[in-house]
Amino acid sequence: ATHEFHVLDQLQSMIARGLGVTAVQPTVRPADGVLVKP
């Protein structure tokens, strides 16, 4: 399943709620509840 989305702040909020995953630049600063992994 996929959703088209690119607003980073809202995107991190949804990932922090466990609603999905996303590809990110390595410079992104993860919000609380979000992990950035290679």
All heavy atoms as atom14 arrays in JSON, in Angstrom:
{
  "sequence": "ATHEFHVLDQLQSMIARGLGVTAVQPTVRPADGVLVKP",
  "atom14_mask": [
    [1, 1, 1, 1, 1, 0, 0, 0, 0, 0, 0, 0, 0, 0],
    [1, 1, 1, 1, 1, 1, 1, 0, 0, 0, 0, 0, 0, 0],
    [1, 1, 1, 1, 1, 1, 1, 1, 1, 1, 0, 0, 0, 0],
    [1, 1, 1, 1, 1, 1, 1, 1, 1, 0, 0, 0, 0, 0],
    [1, 1, 1, 1, 1, 1, 1, 1, 1, 1, 1, 0, 0, 0],
    [1, 1, 1, 1, 1, 1, 1, 1, 1, 1, 0, 0, 0, 0],
    [1, 1, 1, 1, 1, 1, 1, 0, 0, 0, 0, 0, 0, 0],
    [1, 1, 1, 1, 1, 1, 1, 1, 0, 0, 0, 0, 0, 0],
    [1, 1, 1, 1, 1, 1, 1, 1, 0, 0, 0, 0, 0, 0],
    [1, 1, 1, 1, 1, 1, 1, 1, 1, 0, 0, 0, 0, 0],
    [1, 1, 1, 1, 1, 1, 1, 1, 0, 0, 0, 0, 0, 0],
    [1, 1, 1, 1, 1, 1, 1, 1, 1, 0, 0, 0, 0, 0],
    [1, 1, 1, 1, 1, 1, 0, 0, 0, 0, 0, 0, 0, 0],
    [1, 1, 1, 1, 1, 1, 1, 1, 0, 0, 0, 0, 0, 0],
    [1, 1, 1, 1, 1, 1, 1, 1, 0, 0, 0, 0, 0, 0],
    [1, 1, 1, 1, 1, 0, 0, 0, 0, 0, 0, 0, 0, 0],
    [1, 1, 1, 1, 1, 1, 1, 1, 1, 1, 1, 0, 0, 0],
    [1, 1, 1, 1, 0, 0, 0, 0, 0, 0, 0, 0, 0, 0],
    [1, 1, 1, 1, 1, 1, 1, 1, 0, 0, 0, 0, 0, 0],
    [1, 1, 1, 1, 0, 0, 0, 0, 0, 0, 0, 0, 0, 0],
    [1, 1, 1, 1, 1, 1, 1, 0, 0, 0, 0, 0, 0, 0],
    [1, 1, 1, 1, 1, 1, 1, 0, 0, 0, 0, 0, 0, 0],
    [1, 1, 1, 1, 1, 0, 0, 0, 0, 0, 0, 0, 0, 0],
    [1, 1, 1, 1, 1, 1, 1, 0, 0, 0, 0, 0, 0, 0],
    [1, 1, 1, 1, 1, 1, 1, 1, 1, 0, 0, 0, 0, 0],
    [1, 1, 1, 1, 1, 1, 1, 0, 0, 0, 0, 0, 0, 0],
    [1, 1, 1, 1, 1, 1, 1, 0, 0, 0, 0, 0, 0, 0],
    [1, 1, 1, 1, 1, 1, 1, 0, 0, 0, 0, 0, 0, 0],
    [1, 1, 1, 1, 1, 1, 1, 1, 1, 1, 1, 0, 0, 0],
    [1, 1, 1, 1, 1, 1, 1, 0, 0, 0, 0, 0, 0, 0],
    [1, 1, 1, 1, 1, 0, 0, 0, 0, 0, 0, 0, 0, 0],
    [1, 1, 1, 1, 1, 1, 1, 1, 0, 0, 0, 0, 0, 0],
    [1, 1, 1, 1, 0, 0, 0, 0, 0, 0, 0, 0, 0, 0],
    [1, 1, 1, 1, 1, 1, 1, 0, 0, 0, 0, 0, 0, 0],
    [1, 1, 1, 1, 1, 1, 1, 1, 0, 0, 0, 0, 0, 0],
    [1, 1, 1, 1, 1, 1, 1, 0, 0, 0, 0, 0, 0, 0],
    [1, 1, 1, 1, 1, 1, 1, 1, 1, 0, 0, 0, 0, 0],
    [1, 1, 1, 1, 1, 1, 1, 0, 0, 0, 0, 0, 0, 0]
  ],
  "atom14_positions": [
    [[0.86, -1.19, 0.0], [0.0, 0.0, 0.0], [0.89, 1.23, 0.0], [1.94, 1.25, 0.64], [-0.92, 0.0, 1.22], [0.0, 0.0, 0.0], [0.0, 0.0, 0.0], [0.0, 0.0, 0.0], [0.0, 0.0, 0.0], [0.0, 0.0, 0.0], [0.0, 0.0, 0.0], [0.0, 0.0, 0.0], [0.0, 0.0, 0.0], [0.0, 0.0, 0.0]],
    [[0.46, 2.26, -0.73], [1.24, 3.49, -0.79], [0.32, 4.7, -0.68], [-0.86, 4.66, -1.05], [2.03, 3.61, -2.12], [1.11, 3.6, -3.22], [3.02, 2.48, -2.27], [0.0, 0.0, 0.0], [0.0, 0.0, 0.0], [0.0, 0.0, 0.0], [0.0, 0.0, 0.0], [0.0, 0.0, 0.0], [0.0, 0.0, 0.0], [0.0, 0.0, 0.0]],
    [[0.88, 5.79, -0.14], [0.21, 7.09, -0.12], [1.19, 8.1, -0.7], [2.39, 8.04, -0.42], [-0.16, 7.51, 1.3], [-1.1, 6.57, 2.0], [-2.41, 6.44, 1.63], [-0.89, 5.73, 3.04], [-3.0, 5.55, 2.41], [-2.09, 5.1, 3.27], [0.0, 0.0, 0.0], [0.0, 0.0, 0.0], [0.0, 0.0, 0.0], [0.0, 0.0, 0.0]],
    [[0.7, 9.03, -1.51], [1.56, 10.07, -2.06], [1.59, 11.23, -1.08], [0.56, 11.82, -0.76], [1.02, 10.52, -3.42], [1.95, 11.49, -4.13], [1.43, 11.84, -5.52], [1.39, 10.94, -6.38], [1.07, 13.01, -5.72], [0.0, 0.0, 0.0], [0.0, 0.0, 0.0], [0.0, 0.0, 0.0], [0.0, 0.0, 0.0], [0.0, 0.0, 0.0]],
    [[2.81, 11.56, -0.62], [2.93, 12.57, 0.44], [4.36, 13.08, 0.46], [5.3, 12.31, 0.29], [2.6, 11.94, 1.8], [1.89, 12.86, 2.73], [0.51, 12.9, 2.77], [2.6, 13.71, 3.58], [-0.16, 13.76, 3.65], [1.94, 14.56, 4.45], [0.55, 14.58, 4.49], [0.0, 0.0, 0.0], [0.0, 0.0, 0.0], [0.0, 0.0, 0.0]],
    [[4.55, 14.4, 0.67], [5.92, 14.9, 0.79], [6.06, 16.07, 1.75], [7.1, 16.73, 1.77], [6.49, 15.27, -0.59], [5.75, 16.38, -1.28], [4.85, 16.14, -2.3], [5.77, 17.73, -1.1], [4.35, 17.29, -2.72], [4.9, 18.26, -2.02], [0.0, 0.0, 0.0], [0.0, 0.0, 0.0], [0.0, 0.0, 0.0], [0.0, 0.0, 0.0]],
    [[5.05, 16.35, 2.57], [5.19, 17.39, 3.6], [5.83, 16.73, 4.82], [5.19, 15.97, 5.54], [3.82, 18.0, 3.95], [3.99, 19.08, 5.02], [3.15, 18.57, 2.72], [0.0, 0.0, 0.0], [0.0, 0.0, 0.0], [0.0, 0.0, 0.0], [0.0, 0.0, 0.0], [0.0, 0.0, 0.0], [0.0, 0.0, 0.0], [0.0, 0.0, 0.0]],
    [[7.11, 17.04, 5.06], [7.91, 16.26, 6.0], [7.36, 16.28, 7.42], [7.31, 15.24, 8.09], [9.36, 16.75, 5.98], [10.35, 15.94, 6.82], [10.39, 14.49, 6.36], [11.75, 16.55, 6.74], [0.0, 0.0, 0.0], [0.0, 0.0, 0.0], [0.0, 0.0, 0.0], [0.0, 0.0, 0.0], [0.0, 0.0, 0.0], [0.0, 0.0, 0.0]],
    [[6.95, 17.44, 7.93], [6.47, 17.51, 9.32], [5.25, 16.62, 9.54], [5.19, 15.85, 10.51], [6.14, 18.96, 9.69], [7.38, 19.84, 9.79], [8.48, 19.25, 9.89], [7.26, 21.07, 9.77], [0.0, 0.0, 0.0], [0.0, 0.0, 0.0], [0.0, 0.0, 0.0], [0.0, 0.0, 0.0], [0.0, 0.0, 0.0], [0.0, 0.0, 0.0]],
    [[4.27, 16.72, 8.65], [3.08, 15.88, 8.76], [3.43, 14.41, 8.55], [2.87, 13.52, 9.19], [2.03, 16.33, 7.76], [1.51, 17.74, 7.99], [0.5, 18.16, 6.94], [-0.19, 17.33, 6.38], [0.43, 19.46, 6.67], [0.0, 0.0, 0.0], [0.0, 0.0, 0.0], [0.0, 0.0, 0.0], [0.0, 0.0, 0.0], [0.0, 0.0, 0.0]],
    [[4.36, 14.18, 7.64], [4.77, 12.81, 7.34], [5.39, 12.15, 8.57], [5.05, 11.01, 8.92], [5.78, 12.84, 6.19], [6.23, 11.52, 5.6], [5.04, 10.68, 5.17], [7.16, 11.76, 4.42], [0.0, 0.0, 0.0], [0.0, 0.0, 0.0], [0.0, 0.0, 0.0], [0.0, 0.0, 0.0], [0.0, 0.0, 0.0], [0.0, 0.0, 0.0]],
    [[6.28, 12.86, 9.26], [6.89, 12.3, 10.46], [5.85, 12.04, 11.54], [5.93, 11.06, 12.29], [7.98, 13.23, 10.98], [9.23, 13.28, 10.11], [10.49, 13.42, 10.95], [10.72, 12.65, 11.87], [11.32, 14.39, 10.61], [0.0, 0.0, 0.0], [0.0, 0.0, 0.0], [0.0, 0.0, 0.0], [0.0, 0.0, 0.0], [0.0, 0.0, 0.0]],
    [[4.85, 12.92, 11.63], [3.79, 12.74, 12.62], [3.04, 11.44, 12.36], [2.73, 10.69, 13.3], [2.84, 13.94, 12.58], [1.78, 13.76, 13.5], [0.0, 0.0, 0.0], [0.0, 0.0, 0.0], [0.0, 0.0, 0.0], [0.0, 0.0, 0.0], [0.0, 0.0, 0.0], [0.0, 0.0, 0.0], [0.0, 0.0, 0.0], [0.0, 0.0, 0.0]],
    [[2.78, 11.13, 11.11], [2.07, 9.9, 10.77], [2.93, 8.66, 11.01], [2.44, 7.63, 11.48], [1.57, 9.96, 9.33], [0.42, 10.94, 9.16], [-0.32, 10.92, 7.52], [0.95, 11.77, 6.59], [0.0, 0.0, 0.0], [0.0, 0.0, 0.0], [0.0, 0.0, 0.0], [0.0, 0.0, 0.0], [0.0, 0.0, 0.0], [0.0, 0.0, 0.0]],
    [[4.22, 8.78, 10.71], [5.12, 7.65, 10.95], [5.25, 7.4, 12.45], [5.28, 6.25, 12.91], [6.5, 7.92, 10.3], [6.36, 7.91, 8.79], [7.52, 6.87, 10.74], [7.57, 8.39, 8.05], [0.0, 0.0, 0.0], [0.0, 0.0, 0.0], [0.0, 0.0, 0.0], [0.0, 0.0, 0.0], [0.0, 0.0, 0.0], [0.0, 0.0, 0.0]],
    [[5.3, 8.46, 13.25], [5.38, 8.32, 14.7], [4.16, 7.61, 15.27], [4.22, 7.02, 16.36], [5.55, 9.69, 15.36], [0.0, 0.0, 0.0], [0.0, 0.0, 0.0], [0.0, 0.0, 0.0], [0.0, 0.0, 0.0], [0.0, 0.0, 0.0], [0.0, 0.0, 0.0], [0.0, 0.0, 0.0], [0.0, 0.0, 0.0], [0.0, 0.0, 0.0]],
    [[3.05, 7.65, 14.54], [1.84, 6.96, 14.97], [1.76, 5.53, 14.41], [0.75, 4.84, 14.59], [0.6, 7.75, 14.53], [0.38, 9.02, 15.33], [-0.73, 9.88, 14.72], [-1.14, 10.96, 15.62], [-0.49, 12.1, 15.78], [0.63, 12.3, 15.1], [-0.94, 13.02, 16.61], [0.0, 0.0, 0.0], [0.0, 0.0, 0.0], [0.0, 0.0, 0.0]],
    [[2.82, 5.13, 13.71], [2.86, 3.77, 13.19], [2.0, 3.56, 11.95], [1.61, 2.43, 11.64], [0.0, 0.0, 0.0], [0.0, 0.0, 0.0], [0.0, 0.0, 0.0], [0.0, 0.0, 0.0], [0.0, 0.0, 0.0], [0.0, 0.0, 0.0], [0.0, 0.0, 0.0], [0.0, 0.0, 0.0], [0.0, 0.0, 0.0], [0.0, 0.0, 0.0]],
    [[1.71, 4.63, 11.2], [0.83, 4.53, 10.04], [1.56, 4.12, 8.76], [0.92, 3.87, 7.74], [0.11, 5.86, 9.81], [-0.8, 6.32, 10.96], [-1.4, 7.68, 10.65], [-1.9, 5.29, 11.2], [0.0, 0.0, 0.0], [0.0, 0.0, 0.0], [0.0, 0.0, 0.0], [0.0, 0.0, 0.0], [0.0, 0.0, 0.0], [0.0, 0.0, 0.0]],
    [[2.89, 4.07, 8.79], [3.64, 3.68, 7.61], [5.11, 4.0, 7.74], [5.58, 4.38, 8.82], [0.0, 0.0, 0.0], [0.0, 0.0, 0.0], [0.0, 0.0, 0.0], [0.0, 0.0, 0.0], [0.0, 0.0, 0.0], [0.0, 0.0, 0.0], [0.0, 0.0, 0.0], [0.0, 0.0, 0.0], [0.0, 0.0, 0.0], [0.0, 0.0, 0.0]],
    [[5.83, 3.84, 6.63], [7.27, 4.12, 6.57], [7.53, 4.98, 5.34], [6.68, 5.09, 4.44], [8.1, 2.82, 6.5], [7.85, 1.94, 7.7], [7.81, 2.04, 5.21], [0.0, 0.0, 0.0], [0.0, 0.0, 0.0], [0.0, 0.0, 0.0], [0.0, 0.0, 0.0], [0.0, 0.0, 0.0], [0.0, 0.0, 0.0], [0.0, 0.0, 0.0]],
    [[8.71, 5.59, 5.27], [9.03, 6.42, 4.11], [10.54, 6.51, 3.9], [11.32, 6.35, 4.84], [8.46, 7.85, 4.28], [8.58, 8.54, 3.02], [9.21, 8.64, 5.34], [0.0, 0.0, 0.0], [0.0, 0.0, 0.0], [0.0, 0.0, 0.0], [0.0, 0.0, 0.0], [0.0, 0.0, 0.0], [0.0, 0.0, 0.0], [0.0, 0.0, 0.0]],
    [[10.92, 6.76, 2.66], [12.32, 7.01, 2.33], [12.65, 8.45, 2.67], [11.85, 9.36, 2.4], [12.56, 6.74, 0.85], [0.0, 0.0, 0.0], [0.0, 0.0, 0.0], [0.0, 0.0, 0.0], [0.0, 0.0, 0.0], [0.0, 0.0, 0.0], [0.0, 0.0, 0.0], [0.0, 0.0, 0.0], [0.0, 0.0, 0.0], [0.0, 0.0, 0.0]],
    [[13.83, 8.7, 3.26], [14.21, 10.04, 3.68], [15.68, 10.32, 3.36], [16.48, 9.4, 3.19], [13.99, 10.26, 5.2], [12.52, 10.21, 5.56], [14.78, 9.24, 6.02], [0.0, 0.0, 0.0], [0.0, 0.0, 0.0], [0.0, 0.0, 0.0], [0.0, 0.0, 0.0], [0.0, 0.0, 0.0], [0.0, 0.0, 0.0], [0.0, 0.0, 0.0]],
    [[16.0, 11.6, 3.3], [17.4, 12.0, 3.18], [18.12, 11.71, 4.5], [17.51, 11.8, 5.57], [17.49, 13.48, 2.84], [16.86, 13.86, 1.52], [16.98, 15.34, 1.22], [17.9, 16.02, 1.68], [16.05, 15.87, 0.44], [0.0, 0.0, 0.0], [0.0, 0.0, 0.0], [0.0, 0.0, 0.0], [0.0, 0.0, 0.0], [0.0, 0.0, 0.0]],
    [[19.41, 11.4, 4.45], [20.13, 11.05, 5.68], [20.32, 12.22, 6.64], [20.7, 12.02, 7.78], [21.48, 10.52, 5.18], [21.66, 11.18, 3.87], [20.28, 11.29, 3.27], [0.0, 0.0, 0.0], [0.0, 0.0, 0.0], [0.0, 0.0, 0.0], [0.0, 0.0, 0.0], [0.0, 0.0, 0.0], [0.0, 0.0, 0.0], [0.0, 0.0, 0.0]],
    [[20.05, 13.44, 6.17], [20.2, 14.61, 7.03], [18.93, 14.9, 7.84], [18.93, 15.83, 8.66], [20.53, 15.84, 6.18], [19.61, 15.91, 5.09], [21.95, 15.77, 5.65], [0.0, 0.0, 0.0], [0.0, 0.0, 0.0], [0.0, 0.0, 0.0], [0.0, 0.0, 0.0], [0.0, 0.0, 0.0], [0.0, 0.0, 0.0], [0.0, 0.0, 0.0]],
    [[17.85, 14.15, 7.62], [16.6, 14.45, 8.3], [16.75, 14.25, 9.81], [17.45, 13.33, 10.27], [15.45, 13.56, 7.76], [15.62, 12.11, 8.16], [14.1, 14.08, 8.22], [0.0, 0.0, 0.0], [0.0, 0.0, 0.0], [0.0, 0.0, 0.0], [0.0, 0.0, 0.0], [0.0, 0.0, 0.0], [0.0, 0.0, 0.0], [0.0, 0.0, 0.0]],
    [[16.13, 15.12, 10.58], [16.15, 15.0, 12.03], [14.86, 14.32, 12.47], [13.78, 14.9, 12.34], [16.28, 16.37, 12.69], [17.62, 17.04, 12.4], [17.76, 18.33, 13.17], [19.05, 18.96, 12.94], [19.45, 20.09, 13.53], [18.63, 20.7, 14.38], [20.64, 20.59, 13.26], [0.0, 0.0, 0.0], [0.0, 0.0, 0.0], [0.0, 0.0, 0.0]],
    [[14.94, 13.1, 12.98], [13.72, 12.37, 13.32], [12.96, 13.02, 14.47], [13.55, 13.47, 15.45], [14.22, 10.97, 13.67], [15.65, 11.16, 14.07], [16.16, 12.3, 13.25], [0.0, 0.0, 0.0], [0.0, 0.0, 0.0], [0.0, 0.0, 0.0], [0.0, 0.0, 0.0], [0.0, 0.0, 0.0], [0.0, 0.0, 0.0], [0.0, 0.0, 0.0]],
    [[11.63, 13.02, 14.34], [10.78, 13.51, 15.42], [10.67, 12.43, 16.49], [11.11, 11.28, 16.3], [9.4, 13.84, 14.85], [0.0, 0.0, 0.0], [0.0, 0.0, 0.0], [0.0, 0.0, 0.0], [0.0, 0.0, 0.0], [0.0, 0.0, 0.0], [0.0, 0.0, 0.0], [0.0, 0.0, 0.0], [0.0, 0.0, 0.0], [0.0, 0.0, 0.0]],
    [[10.11, 12.78, 17.63], [9.89, 11.79, 18.69], [9.03, 10.65, 18.14], [8.02, 10.88, 17.47], [9.17, 12.44, 19.88], [10.06, 13.41, 20.63], [11.29, 13.34, 20.46], [9.52, 14.26, 21.38], [0.0, 0.0, 0.0], [0.0, 0.0, 0.0], [0.0, 0.0, 0.0], [0.0, 0.0, 0.0], [0.0, 0.0, 0.0], [0.0, 0.0, 0.0]],
    [[9.46, 9.43, 18.44], [8.72, 8.26, 17.98], [9.11, 7.79, 16.6], [8.53, 6.83, 16.08], [0.0, 0.0, 0.0], [0.0, 0.0, 0.0], [0.0, 0.0, 0.0], [0.0, 0.0, 0.0], [0.0, 0.0, 0.0], [0.0, 0.0, 0.0], [0.0, 0.0, 0.0], [0.0, 0.0, 0.0], [0.0, 0.0, 0.0], [0.0, 0.0, 0.0]],
    [[10.1, 8.44, 15.98], [10.55, 8.08, 14.63], [12.03, 7.69, 14.69], [12.83, 8.35, 15.36], [10.37, 9.25, 13.64], [10.94, 8.89, 12.27], [8.9, 9.63, 13.52], [0.0, 0.0, 0.0], [0.0, 0.0, 0.0], [0.0, 0.0, 0.0], [0.0, 0.0, 0.0], [0.0, 0.0, 0.0], [0.0, 0.0, 0.0], [0.0, 0.0, 0.0]],
    [[12.38, 6.62, 14.0], [13.77, 6.2, 13.85], [14.18, 6.29, 12.38], [13.38, 5.94, 11.5], [13.95, 4.76, 14.34], [13.65, 4.47, 15.81], [13.81, 2.97, 16.09], [14.56, 5.28, 16.72], [0.0, 0.0, 0.0], [0.0, 0.0, 0.0], [0.0, 0.0, 0.0], [0.0, 0.0, 0.0], [0.0, 0.0, 0.0], [0.0, 0.0, 0.0]],
    [[15.39, 6.76, 12.13], [15.92, 6.81, 10.77], [17.01, 5.75, 10.67], [17.97, 5.75, 11.45], [16.48, 8.2, 10.43], [17.15, 8.19, 9.07], [15.35, 9.23, 10.45], [0.0, 0.0, 0.0], [0.0, 0.0, 0.0], [0.0, 0.0, 0.0], [0.0, 0.0, 0.0], [0.0, 0.0, 0.0], [0.0, 0.0, 0.0], [0.0, 0.0, 0.0]],
    [[16.85, 4.82, 9.71], [17.77, 3.7, 9.56], [18.3, 3.61, 8.13], [17.56, 3.91, 7.18], [17.04, 2.39, 9.88], [16.44, 2.29, 11.27], [17.46, 1.78, 12.26], [16.82, 1.5, 13.62], [17.81, 0.92, 14.55], [0.0, 0.0, 0.0], [0.0, 0.0, 0.0], [0.0, 0.0, 0.0], [0.0, 0.0, 0.0], [0.0, 0.0, 0.0]],
    [[19.55, 3.16, 7.96], [20.02, 2.89, 6.6], [19.36, 1.64, 6.05], [18.97, 0.74, 6.79], [21.53, 2.68, 6.79], [21.69, 2.27, 8.21], [20.59, 2.94, 8.98], [0.0, 0.0, 0.0], [0.0, 0.0, 0.0], [0.0, 0.0, 0.0], [0.0, 0.0, 0.0], [0.0, 0.0, 0.0], [0.0, 0.0, 0.0], [0.0, 0.0, 0.0]]
  ]
}
